[in-house]
Amino acid sequence: MKREAFKMKLIGDVAKDYQRRHAEIWPELVKLLKDAGISDYAIYFDETTNELFAVQKVSGEAGAADLGAEEIVQKWWSYMADIMETNPDDSPVCIPLTEVFYLA
């Protein structure tokens, strides 16, 4: 199992809306993520920079970034596009982070 971390950025004062939307995450999206081997997925918010920090465990070779062709993922991206920095296809701008330390 590998760990992946990345950061994203919100647009404006929308942290509460971002949190609300994730509290109501669609069950079919959760199923897709779990079926893809994604677990221990957490997102943290830095209110001083408006940045999100995400970390997840992934079993196998695929990760969340590899699910972009799935219709439910594209719908989620569109749903979130008004409050996040996005690419032209509405996917969130995700900056991968390199692990430099881990204590098990």
PDB file of N, CA and C in Angstrom:
ATOM      1  N   MET A   1       0.852  -1.173   0.000  1.00  0.00           N
ATOM      2  CA  MET A   1       0.000   0.000   0.000  1.00  0.00           C
ATOM      3  C   MET A   1       0.894   1.231   0.000  1.00  0.00           C
ATOM      4  N   LYS A   2       0.553   2.202  -0.820  1.00  0.00           N
ATOM      5  CA  LYS A   2       1.312   3.451  -0.863  1.00  0.00           C
ATOM      6  C   LYS A   2       0.453   4.592  -0.331  1.00  0.00           C
ATOM      7  N   ARG A   3       1.119   5.660   0.063  1.00  0.00           N
ATOM      8  CA  ARG A   3       0.446   6.875   0.501  1.00  0.00           C
ATOM      9  C   ARG A   3       0.693   7.947  -0.551  1.00  0.00           C
ATOM     10  N   GLU A   4      -0.338   8.722  -0.821  1.00  0.00           N
ATOM     11  CA  GLU A   4      -0.222   9.850  -1.744  1.00  0.00           C
ATOM     12  C   GLU A   4      -0.695  11.103  -1.032  1.00  0.00           C
ATOM     13  N   ALA A   5      -0.028  12.200  -1.278  1.00  0.00           N
ATOM     14  CA  ALA A   5      -0.435  13.486  -0.720  1.00  0.00           C
ATOM     15  C   ALA A   5      -0.398  14.519  -1.844  1.00  0.00           C
ATOM     16  N   PHE A   6      -1.312  15.469  -1.767  1.00  0.00           N
ATOM     17  CA  PHE A   6      -1.365  16.529  -2.765  1.00  0.00           C
ATOM     18  C   PHE A   6      -2.072  17.726  -2.166  1.00  0.00           C
ATOM     19  N   LYS A   7      -1.899  18.873  -2.821  1.00  0.00           N
ATOM     20  CA  LYS A   7      -2.594  20.065  -2.356  1.00  0.00           C
ATOM     21  C   LYS A   7      -3.441  20.641  -3.475  1.00  0.00           C
ATOM     22  N   MET A   8      -4.481  21.351  -3.067  1.00  0.00           N
ATOM     23  CA  MET A   8      -5.417  22.012  -3.967  1.00  0.00           C
ATOM     24  C   MET A   8      -5.716  23.376  -3.356  1.00  0.00           C
ATOM     25  N   LYS A   9      -6.468  24.203  -4.049  1.00  0.00           N
ATOM     26  CA  LYS A   9      -6.740  25.535  -3.525  1.00  0.00           C
ATOM     27  C   LYS A   9      -8.185  25.932  -3.755  1.00  0.00           C
ATOM     28  N   LEU A  10      -8.781  26.524  -2.718  1.00  0.00           N
ATOM     29  CA  LEU A  10     -10.139  27.054  -2.813  1.00  0.00           C
ATOM     30  C   LEU A  10     -10.104  28.479  -3.345  1.00  0.00           C
ATOM     31  N   ILE A  11     -11.221  28.889  -3.925  1.00  0.00           N
ATOM     32  CA  ILE A  11     -11.369  30.243  -4.452  1.00  0.00           C
ATOM     33  C   ILE A  11     -12.256  31.029  -3.500  1.00  0.00           C
ATOM     34  N   GLY A  12     -11.692  31.999  -2.822  1.00  0.00           N
ATOM     35  CA  GLY A  12     -12.490  32.854  -1.943  1.00  0.00           C
ATOM     36  C   GLY A  12     -12.838  32.201  -0.625  1.00  0.00           C
ATOM     37  N   ASP A  13     -13.851  32.747   0.014  1.00  0.00           N
ATOM     38  CA  ASP A  13     -14.277  32.330   1.341  1.00  0.00           C
ATOM     39  C   ASP A  13     -15.347  31.236   1.222  1.00  0.00           C
ATOM     40  N   VAL A  14     -14.931  30.049   0.809  1.00  0.00           N
ATOM     41  CA  VAL A  14     -15.882  28.971   0.531  1.00  0.00           C
ATOM     42  C   VAL A  14     -15.593  27.702   1.339  1.00  0.00           C
ATOM     43  N   ALA A  15     -14.759  27.789   2.347  1.00  0.00           N
ATOM     44  CA  ALA A  15     -14.362  26.605   3.114  1.00  0.00           C
ATOM     45  C   ALA A  15     -15.567  25.876   3.702  1.00  0.00           C
ATOM     46  N   LYS A  16     -16.535  26.618   4.221  1.00  0.00           N
ATOM     47  CA  LYS A  16     -17.710  25.975   4.824  1.00  0.00           C
ATOM     48  C   LYS A  16     -18.527  25.247   3.755  1.00  0.00           C
ATOM     49  N   ASP A  17     -18.650  25.833   2.581  1.00  0.00           N
ATOM     50  CA  ASP A  17     -19.370  25.181   1.496  1.00  0.00           C
ATOM     51  C   ASP A  17     -18.622  23.927   1.045  1.00  0.00           C
ATOM     52  N   TYR A  18     -17.300  24.015   0.949  1.00  0.00           N
ATOM     53  CA  TYR A  18     -16.482  22.855   0.581  1.00  0.00           C
ATOM     54  C   TYR A  18     -16.700  21.730   1.587  1.00  0.00           C
ATOM     55  N   GLN A  19     -16.661  22.061   2.860  1.00  0.00           N
ATOM     56  CA  GLN A  19     -16.842  21.062   3.911  1.00  0.00           C
ATOM     57  C   GLN A  19     -18.254  20.464   3.855  1.00  0.00           C
ATOM     58  N   ARG A  20     -19.264  21.303   3.643  1.00  0.00           N
ATOM     59  CA  ARG A  20     -20.644  20.815   3.549  1.00  0.00           C
ATOM     60  C   ARG A  20     -20.810  19.852   2.380  1.00  0.00           C
ATOM     61  N   ARG A  21     -20.253  20.203   1.242  1.00  0.00           N
ATOM     62  CA  ARG A  21     -20.375  19.334   0.073  1.00  0.00           C
ATOM     63  C   ARG A  21     -19.730  17.976   0.327  1.00  0.00           C
ATOM     64  N   HIS A  22     -18.595  17.977   1.008  1.00  0.00           N
ATOM     65  CA  HIS A  22     -17.939  16.701   1.297  1.00  0.00           C
ATOM     66  C   HIS A  22     -18.673  15.913   2.385  1.00  0.00           C
ATOM     67  N   ALA A  23     -19.350  16.595   3.287  1.00  0.00           N
ATOM     68  CA  ALA A  23     -20.154  15.896   4.290  1.00  0.00           C
ATOM     69  C   ALA A  23     -21.331  15.178   3.630  1.00  0.00           C
ATOM     70  N   GLU A  24     -21.705  15.641   2.445  1.00  0.00           N
ATOM     71  CA  GLU A  24     -22.815  15.060   1.689  1.00  0.00           C
ATOM     72  C   GLU A  24     -22.313  14.333   0.443  1.00  0.00           C
ATOM     73  N   ILE A  25     -21.067  13.823   0.487  1.00  0.00           N
ATOM     74  CA  ILE A  25     -20.471  13.180  -0.685  1.00  0.00           C
ATOM     75  C   ILE A  25     -21.383  12.067  -1.198  1.00  0.00           C
ATOM     76  N   TRP A  26     -21.447  11.943  -2.485  1.00  0.00           N
ATOM     77  CA  TRP A  26     -22.350  10.995  -3.121  1.00  0.00           C
ATOM     78  C   TRP A  26     -21.902   9.560  -2.849  1.00  0.00           C
ATOM     79  N   PRO A  27     -22.814   8.701  -2.427  1.00  0.00           N
ATOM     80  CA  PRO A  27     -22.450   7.308  -2.116  1.00  0.00           C
ATOM     81  C   PRO A  27     -21.786   6.578  -3.287  1.00  0.00           C
ATOM     82  N   GLU A  28     -22.233   6.853  -4.503  1.00  0.00           N
ATOM     83  CA  GLU A  28     -21.630   6.172  -5.658  1.00  0.00           C
ATOM     84  C   GLU A  28     -20.183   6.614  -5.882  1.00  0.00           C
ATOM     85  N   LEU A  29     -19.845   7.836  -5.489  1.00  0.00           N
ATOM     86  CA  LEU A  29     -18.459   8.284  -5.585  1.00  0.00           C
ATOM     87  C   LEU A  29     -17.605   7.605  -4.510  1.00  0.00           C
ATOM     88  N   VAL A  30     -18.152   7.500  -3.314  1.00  0.00           N
ATOM     89  CA  VAL A  30     -17.442   6.789  -2.235  1.00  0.00           C
ATOM     90  C   VAL A  30     -17.170   5.348  -2.653  1.00  0.00           C
ATOM     91  N   LYS A  31     -18.168   4.687  -3.220  1.00  0.00           N
ATOM     92  CA  LYS A  31     -18.007   3.297  -3.664  1.00  0.00           C
ATOM     93  C   LYS A  31     -16.913   3.196  -4.711  1.00  0.00           C
ATOM     94  N   LEU A  32     -16.902   4.092  -5.676  1.00  0.00           N
ATOM     95  CA  LEU A  32     -15.877   4.071  -6.718  1.00  0.00           C
ATOM     96  C   LEU A  32     -14.480   4.217  -6.114  1.00  0.00           C
ATOM     97  N   LEU A  33     -14.320   5.166  -5.197  1.00  0.00           N
ATOM     98  CA  LEU A  33     -13.018   5.368  -4.566  1.00  0.00           C
ATOM     99  C   LEU A  33     -12.571   4.120  -3.815  1.00  0.00           C
ATOM    100  N   LYS A  34     -13.471   3.556  -3.029  1.00  0.00           N
ATOM    101  CA  LYS A  34     -13.126   2.348  -2.260  1.00  0.00           C
ATOM    102  C   LYS A  34     -12.834   1.173  -3.184  1.00  0.00           C
ATOM    103  N   ASP A  35     -13.648   1.005  -4.218  1.00  0.00           N
ATOM    104  CA  ASP A  35     -13.422  -0.088  -5.179  1.00  0.00           C
ATOM    105  C   ASP A  35     -12.089   0.063  -5.904  1.00  0.00           C
ATOM    106  N   ALA A  36     -11.606   1.303  -6.037  1.00  0.00           N
ATOM    107  CA  ALA A  36     -10.317   1.567  -6.683  1.00  0.00           C
ATOM    108  C   ALA A  36      -9.146   1.371  -5.725  1.00  0.00           C
ATOM    109  N   GLY A  37      -9.450   1.024  -4.457  1.00  0.00           N
ATOM    110  CA  GLY A  37      -8.388   0.765  -3.491  1.00  0.00           C
ATOM    111  C   GLY A  37      -7.949   1.978  -2.700  1.00  0.00           C
ATOM    112  N   ILE A  38      -8.758   3.033  -2.700  1.00  0.00           N
ATOM    113  CA  ILE A  38      -8.420   4.253  -1.964  1.00  0.00           C
ATOM    114  C   ILE A  38      -9.041   4.175  -0.575  1.00  0.00           C
ATOM    115  N   SER A  39      -8.219   4.429   0.442  1.00  0.00           N
ATOM    116  CA  SER A  39      -8.700   4.394   1.824  1.00  0.00           C
ATOM    117  C   SER A  39      -7.954   5.444   2.640  1.00  0.00           C
ATOM    118  N   ASP A  40      -8.378   5.598   3.885  1.00  0.00           N
ATOM    119  CA  ASP A  40      -7.746   6.584   4.775  1.00  0.00           C
ATOM    120  C   ASP A  40      -7.542   7.919   4.064  1.00  0.00           C
ATOM    121  N   TYR A  41      -8.572   8.369   3.383  1.00  0.00           N
ATOM    122  CA  TYR A  41      -8.525   9.599   2.587  1.00  0.00           C
ATOM    123  C   TYR A  41      -8.963  10.751   3.485  1.00  0.00           C
ATOM    124  N   ALA A  42      -8.083  11.705   3.691  1.00  0.00           N
ATOM    125  CA  ALA A  42      -8.394  12.867   4.522  1.00  0.00           C
ATOM    126  C   ALA A  42      -7.980  14.133   3.788  1.00  0.00           C
ATOM    127  N   ILE A  43      -8.756  15.195   3.998  1.00  0.00           N
ATOM    128  CA  ILE A  43      -8.443  16.501   3.418  1.00  0.00           C
ATOM    129  C   ILE A  43      -8.432  17.517   4.561  1.00  0.00           C
ATOM    130  N   TYR A  44      -7.379  18.316   4.610  1.00  0.00           N
ATOM    131  CA  TYR A  44      -7.219  19.341   5.643  1.00  0.00           C
ATOM    132  C   TYR A  44      -7.213  20.711   4.978  1.00  0.00           C
ATOM    133  N   PHE A  45      -7.633  21.717   5.717  1.00  0.00           N
ATOM    134  CA  PHE A  45      -7.724  23.087   5.195  1.00  0.00           C
ATOM    135  C   PHE A  45      -6.799  24.016   5.965  1.00  0.00           C
ATOM    136  N   ASP A  46      -6.013  24.803   5.228  1.00  0.00           N
ATOM    137  CA  ASP A  46      -5.156  25.836   5.817  1.00  0.00           C
ATOM    138  C   ASP A  46      -5.815  27.180   5.537  1.00  0.00           C
ATOM    139  N   GLU A  47      -6.448  27.747   6.553  1.00  0.00           N
ATOM    140  CA  GLU A  47      -7.206  28.987   6.352  1.00  0.00           C
ATOM    141  C   GLU A  47      -6.317  30.188   6.061  1.00  0.00           C
ATOM    142  N   THR A  48      -5.022  30.115   6.358  1.00  0.00           N
ATOM    143  CA  THR A  48      -4.144  31.253   6.068  1.00  0.00           C
ATOM    144  C   THR A  48      -3.771  31.331   4.592  1.00  0.00           C
ATOM    145  N   THR A  49      -3.838  30.192   3.875  1.00  0.00           N
ATOM    146  CA  THR A  49      -3.468  30.180   2.455  1.00  0.00           C
ATOM    147  C   THR A  49      -4.613  29.774   1.537  1.00  0.00           C
ATOM    148  N   ASN A  50      -5.726  29.317   2.123  1.00  0.00           N
ATOM    149  CA  ASN A  50      -6.863  28.800   1.362  1.00  0.00           C
ATOM    150  C   ASN A  50      -6.517  27.496   0.633  1.00  0.00           C
ATOM    151  N   GLU A  51      -5.473  26.826   1.099  1.00  0.00           N
ATOM    152  CA  GLU A  51      -5.054  25.585   0.467  1.00  0.00           C
ATOM    153  C   GLU A  51      -5.603  24.372   1.208  1.00  0.00           C
ATOM    154  N   LEU A  52      -5.856  23.361   0.432  1.00  0.00           N
ATOM    155  CA  LEU A  52      -6.282  22.067   0.949  1.00  0.00           C
ATOM    156  C   LEU A  52      -5.098  21.109   0.851  1.00  0.00           C
ATOM    157  N   PHE A  53      -4.925  20.282   1.869  1.00  0.00           N
ATOM    158  CA  PHE A  53      -3.900  19.250   1.867  1.00  0.00           C
ATOM    159  C   PHE A  53      -4.622  17.918   1.968  1.00  0.00           C
ATOM    160  N   ALA A  54      -4.394  17.034   1.019  1.00  0.00           N
ATOM    161  CA  ALA A  54      -5.062  15.737   1.007  1.00  0.00           C
ATOM    162  C   ALA A  54      -4.031  14.629   1.101  1.00  0.00           C
ATOM    163  N   VAL A  55      -4.398  13.581   1.811  1.00  0.00           N
ATOM    164  CA  VAL A  55      -3.551  12.392   1.920  1.00  0.00           C
ATOM    165  C   VAL A  55      -4.461  11.171   1.867  1.00  0.00           C
ATOM    166  N   GLN A  56      -3.989  10.147   1.187  1.00  0.00           N
ATOM    167  CA  GLN A  56      -4.781   8.931   1.039  1.00  0.00           C
ATOM    168  C   GLN A  56      -3.861   7.730   0.913  1.00  0.00           C
ATOM    169  N   LYS A  57      -4.389   6.581   1.269  1.00  0.00           N
ATOM    170  CA  LYS A  57      -3.681   5.328   1.038  1.00  0.00           C
ATOM    171  C   LYS A  57      -4.277   4.695  -0.209  1.00  0.00           C
ATOM    172  N   VAL A  58      -3.412   4.079  -1.000  1.00  0.00           N
ATOM    173  CA  VAL A  58      -3.852   3.475  -2.249  1.00  0.00           C
ATOM    174  C   VAL A  58      -3.252   2.078  -2.347  1.00  0.00           C
ATOM    175  N   SER A  59      -4.117   1.092  -2.517  1.00  0.00           N
ATOM    176  CA  SER A  59      -3.626  -0.255  -2.781  1.00  0.00           C
ATOM    177  C   SER A  59      -3.640  -0.453  -4.291  1.00  0.00           C
ATOM    178  N   GLY A  60      -2.618  -1.043  -4.812  1.00  0.00           N
ATOM    179  CA  GLY A  60      -2.509  -1.213  -6.256  1.00  0.00           C
ATOM    180  C   GLY A  60      -1.821  -0.019  -6.894  1.00  0.00           C
ATOM    181  N   GLU A  61      -1.875   0.034  -8.188  1.00  0.00           N
ATOM    182  CA  GLU A  61      -1.155   1.072  -8.929  1.00  0.00           C
ATOM    183  C   GLU A  61      -1.965   2.340  -9.164  1.00  0.00           C
ATOM    184  N   ALA A  62      -3.279   2.238  -9.187  1.00  0.00           N
ATOM    185  CA  ALA A  62      -4.132   3.398  -9.496  1.00  0.00           C
ATOM    186  C   ALA A  62      -4.320   4.270  -8.265  1.00  0.00           C
ATOM    187  N   GLY A  63      -4.688   5.513  -8.497  1.00  0.00           N
ATOM    188  CA  GLY A  63      -5.022   6.445  -7.434  1.00  0.00           C
ATOM    189  C   GLY A  63      -6.211   7.271  -7.856  1.00  0.00           C
ATOM    190  N   ALA A  64      -6.597   8.217  -7.023  1.00  0.00           N
ATOM    191  CA  ALA A  64      -7.760   9.050  -7.329  1.00  0.00           C
ATOM    192  C   ALA A  64      -7.583   9.780  -8.655  1.00  0.00           C
ATOM    193  N   ALA A  65      -6.367  10.189  -8.959  1.00  0.00           N
ATOM    194  CA  ALA A  65      -6.110  10.925 -10.199  1.00  0.00           C
ATOM    195  C   ALA A  65      -6.385  10.073 -11.436  1.00  0.00           C
ATOM    196  N   ASP A  66      -6.390   8.747 -11.279  1.00  0.00           N
ATOM    197  CA  ASP A  66      -6.611   7.849 -12.414  1.00  0.00           C
ATOM    198  C   ASP A  66      -8.085   7.586 -12.691  1.00  0.00           C
ATOM    199  N   LEU A  67      -8.969   8.188 -11.927  1.00  0.00           N
ATOM    200  CA  LEU A  67     -10.398   7.930 -12.067  1.00  0.00           C
ATOM    201  C   LEU A  67     -11.119   9.008 -12.879  1.00  0.00           C
ATOM    202  N   GLY A  68     -10.384   9.905 -13.491  1.00  0.00           N
ATOM    203  CA  GLY A  68     -10.974  11.039 -14.196  1.00  0.00           C
ATOM    204  C   GLY A  68     -11.871  10.696 -15.367  1.00  0.00           C
ATOM    205  N   ALA A  69     -11.746   9.513 -15.921  1.00  0.00           N
ATOM    206  CA  ALA A  69     -12.598   9.132 -17.048  1.00  0.00           C
ATOM    207  C   ALA A  69     -13.974   8.660 -16.593  1.00  0.00           C
ATOM    208  N   GLU A  70     -14.127   8.420 -15.301  1.00  0.00           N
ATOM    209  CA  GLU A  70     -15.408   7.942 -14.767  1.00  0.00           C
ATOM    210  C   GLU A  70     -16.436   9.075 -14.755  1.00  0.00           C
ATOM    211  N   GLU A  71     -17.645   8.782 -15.203  1.00  0.00           N
ATOM    212  CA  GLU A  71     -18.696   9.800 -15.297  1.00  0.00           C
ATOM    213  C   GLU A  71     -18.999  10.454 -13.951  1.00  0.00           C
ATOM    214  N   ILE A  72     -19.072   9.667 -12.884  1.00  0.00           N
ATOM    215  CA  ILE A  72     -19.398  10.228 -11.568  1.00  0.00           C
ATOM    216  C   ILE A  72     -18.303  11.170 -11.091  1.00  0.00           C
ATOM    217  N   VAL A  73     -17.060  10.887 -11.428  1.00  0.00           N
ATOM    218  CA  VAL A  73     -15.944  11.764 -11.053  1.00  0.00           C
ATOM    219  C   VAL A  73     -16.057  13.076 -11.820  1.00  0.00           C
ATOM    220  N   GLN A  74     -16.363  13.014 -13.103  1.00  0.00           N
ATOM    221  CA  GLN A  74     -16.521  14.228 -13.898  1.00  0.00           C
ATOM    222  C   GLN A  74     -17.680  15.087 -13.382  1.00  0.00           C
ATOM    223  N   LYS A  75     -18.757  14.455 -12.944  1.00  0.00           N
ATOM    224  CA  LYS A  75     -19.880  15.205 -12.370  1.00  0.00           C
ATOM    225  C   LYS A  75     -19.460  15.884 -11.063  1.00  0.00           C
ATOM    226  N   TRP A  76     -18.679  15.168 -10.236  1.00  0.00           N
ATOM    227  CA  TRP A  76     -18.197  15.748  -8.980  1.00  0.00           C
ATOM    228  C   TRP A  76     -17.291  16.944  -9.271  1.00  0.00           C
ATOM    229  N   TRP A  77     -16.402  16.793 -10.232  1.00  0.00           N
ATOM    230  CA  TRP A  77     -15.529  17.908 -10.597  1.00  0.00           C
ATOM    231  C   TRP A  77     -16.352  19.126 -10.998  1.00  0.00           C
ATOM    232  N   SER A  78     -17.360  18.918 -11.827  1.00  0.00           N
ATOM    233  CA  SER A  78     -18.214  20.039 -12.248  1.00  0.00           C
ATOM    234  C   SER A  78     -18.930  20.664 -11.059  1.00  0.00           C
ATOM    235  N   TYR A  79     -19.383  19.834 -10.138  1.00  0.00           N
ATOM    236  CA  TYR A  79     -20.071  20.288  -8.936  1.00  0.00           C
ATOM    237  C   TYR A  79     -19.157  21.149  -8.059  1.00  0.00           C
ATOM    238  N   MET A  80     -17.868  20.836  -8.026  1.00  0.00           N
ATOM    239  CA  MET A  80     -16.912  21.536  -7.177  1.00  0.00           C
ATOM    240  C   MET A  80     -16.190  22.685  -7.893  1.00  0.00           C
ATOM    241  N   ALA A  81     -16.323  22.782  -9.204  1.00  0.00           N
ATOM    242  CA  ALA A  81     -15.520  23.726  -9.997  1.00  0.00           C
ATOM    243  C   ALA A  81     -15.728  25.193  -9.628  1.00  0.00           C
ATOM    244  N   ASP A  82     -16.886  25.544  -9.095  1.00  0.00           N
ATOM    245  CA  ASP A  82     -17.144  26.952  -8.778  1.00  0.00           C
ATOM    246  C   ASP A  82     -16.429  27.418  -7.515  1.00  0.00           C
ATOM    247  N   ILE A  83     -15.855  26.499  -6.744  1.00  0.00           N
ATOM    248  CA  ILE A  83     -15.223  26.907  -5.484  1.00  0.00           C
ATOM    249  C   ILE A  83     -13.743  26.521  -5.396  1.00  0.00           C
ATOM    250  N   MET A  84     -13.197  25.924  -6.458  1.00  0.00           N
ATOM    251  CA  MET A  84     -11.803  25.478  -6.440  1.00  0.00           C
ATOM    252  C   MET A  84     -11.061  25.932  -7.687  1.00  0.00           C
ATOM    253  N   GLU A  85      -9.752  26.010  -7.572  1.00  0.00           N
ATOM    254  CA  GLU A  85      -8.944  26.205  -8.773  1.00  0.00           C
ATOM    255  C   GLU A  85      -9.011  24.916  -9.580  1.00  0.00           C
ATOM    256  N   THR A  86      -9.349  25.045 -10.876  1.00  0.00           N
ATOM    257  CA  THR A  86      -9.534  23.858 -11.711  1.00  0.00           C
ATOM    258  C   THR A  86      -8.777  23.978 -13.028  1.00  0.00           C
ATOM    259  N   ASN A  87      -8.630  22.827 -13.656  1.00  0.00           N
ATOM    260  CA  ASN A  87      -8.087  22.726 -15.010  1.00  0.00           C
ATOM    261  C   ASN A  87      -9.239  22.921 -15.992  1.00  0.00           C
ATOM    262  N   PRO A  88      -8.942  23.051 -17.299  1.00  0.00           N
ATOM    263  CA  PRO A  88     -10.015  23.253 -18.284  1.00  0.00           C
ATOM    264  C   PRO A  88     -11.103  22.168 -18.275  1.00  0.00           C
ATOM    265  N   ASP A  89     -10.770  20.939 -17.836  1.00  0.00           N
ATOM    266  CA  ASP A  89     -11.772  19.863 -17.795  1.00  0.00           C
ATOM    267  C   ASP A  89     -12.528  19.817 -16.465  1.00  0.00           C
ATOM    268  N   ASP A  90     -12.387  20.851 -15.640  1.00  0.00           N
ATOM    269  CA  ASP A  90     -13.003  20.981 -14.318  1.00  0.00           C
ATOM    270  C   ASP A  90     -12.328  20.143 -13.235  1.00  0.00           C
ATOM    271  N   SER A  91     -11.323  19.360 -13.574  1.00  0.00           N
ATOM    272  CA  SER A  91     -10.603  18.623 -12.534  1.00  0.00           C
ATOM    273  C   SER A  91      -9.880  19.628 -11.651  1.00  0.00           C
ATOM    274  N   PRO A  92      -9.773  19.339 -10.352  1.00  0.00           N
ATOM    275  CA  PRO A  92      -9.069  20.288  -9.486  1.00  0.00           C
ATOM    276  C   PRO A  92      -7.583  20.336  -9.821  1.00  0.00           C
ATOM    277  N   VAL A  93      -7.018  21.513  -9.729  1.00  0.00           N
ATOM    278  CA  VAL A  93      -5.567  21.628  -9.867  1.00  0.00           C
ATOM    279  C   VAL A  93      -4.974  20.954  -8.637  1.00  0.00           C
ATOM    280  N   CYS A  94      -4.287  19.846  -8.846  1.00  0.00           N
ATOM    281  CA  CYS A  94      -3.682  19.071  -7.760  1.00  0.00           C
ATOM    282  C   CYS A  94      -2.172  19.090  -7.922  1.00  0.00           C
ATOM    283  N   ILE A  95      -1.502  19.481  -6.876  1.00  0.00           N
ATOM    284  CA  ILE A  95      -0.048  19.507  -6.888  1.00  0.00           C
ATOM    285  C   ILE A  95       0.437  18.354  -6.015  1.00  0.00           C
ATOM    286  N   PRO A  96       1.053  17.327  -6.636  1.00  0.00           N
ATOM    287  CA  PRO A  96       1.533  16.204  -5.845  1.00  0.00           C
ATOM    288  C   PRO A  96       2.643  16.649  -4.895  1.00  0.00           C
ATOM    289  N   LEU A  97       2.645  16.043  -3.721  1.00  0.00           N
ATOM    290  CA  LEU A  97       3.657  16.350  -2.721  1.00  0.00           C
ATOM    291  C   LEU A  97       4.538  15.115  -2.503  1.00  0.00           C
ATOM    292  N   THR A  98       5.819  15.347  -2.308  1.00  0.00           N
ATOM    293  CA  THR A  98       6.771  14.273  -2.098  1.00  0.00           C
ATOM    294  C   THR A  98       6.912  14.005  -0.604  1.00  0.00           C
ATOM    295  N   GLU A  99       6.794  12.744  -0.235  1.00  0.00           N
ATOM    296  CA  GLU A  99       6.971  12.381   1.173  1.00  0.00           C
ATOM    297  C   GLU A  99       8.455  12.484   1.528  1.00  0.00           C
ATOM    298  N   VAL A 100       8.735  13.188   2.610  1.00  0.00           N
ATOM    299  CA  VAL A 100      10.117  13.336   3.047  1.00  0.00           C
ATOM    300  C   VAL A 100      10.361  12.716   4.416  1.00  0.00           C
ATOM    301  N   PHE A 101       9.279  12.330   5.111  1.00  0.00           N
ATOM    302  CA  PHE A 101       9.420  11.681   6.412  1.00  0.00           C
ATOM    303  C   PHE A 101       8.145  10.928   6.711  1.00  0.00           C
ATOM    304  N   TYR A 102       8.305   9.770   7.338  1.00  0.00           N
ATOM    305  CA  TYR A 102       7.143   8.979   7.767  1.00  0.00           C
ATOM    306  C   TYR A 102       7.534   8.209   9.018  1.00  0.00           C
ATOM    307  N   LEU A 103       6.712   8.272  10.035  1.00  0.00           N
ATOM    308  CA  LEU A 103       6.909   7.527  11.274  1.00  0.00           C
ATOM    309  C   LEU A 103       5.734   6.577  11.429  1.00  0.00           C
ATOM    310  N   ALA A 104       5.996   5.304  11.349  1.00  0.00           N
ATOM    311  CA  ALA A 104       4.925   4.302  11.461  1.00  0.00           C
ATOM    312  C   ALA A 104       4.649   3.978  12.913  1.00  0.00           C
TER     313      ALA A 104
END
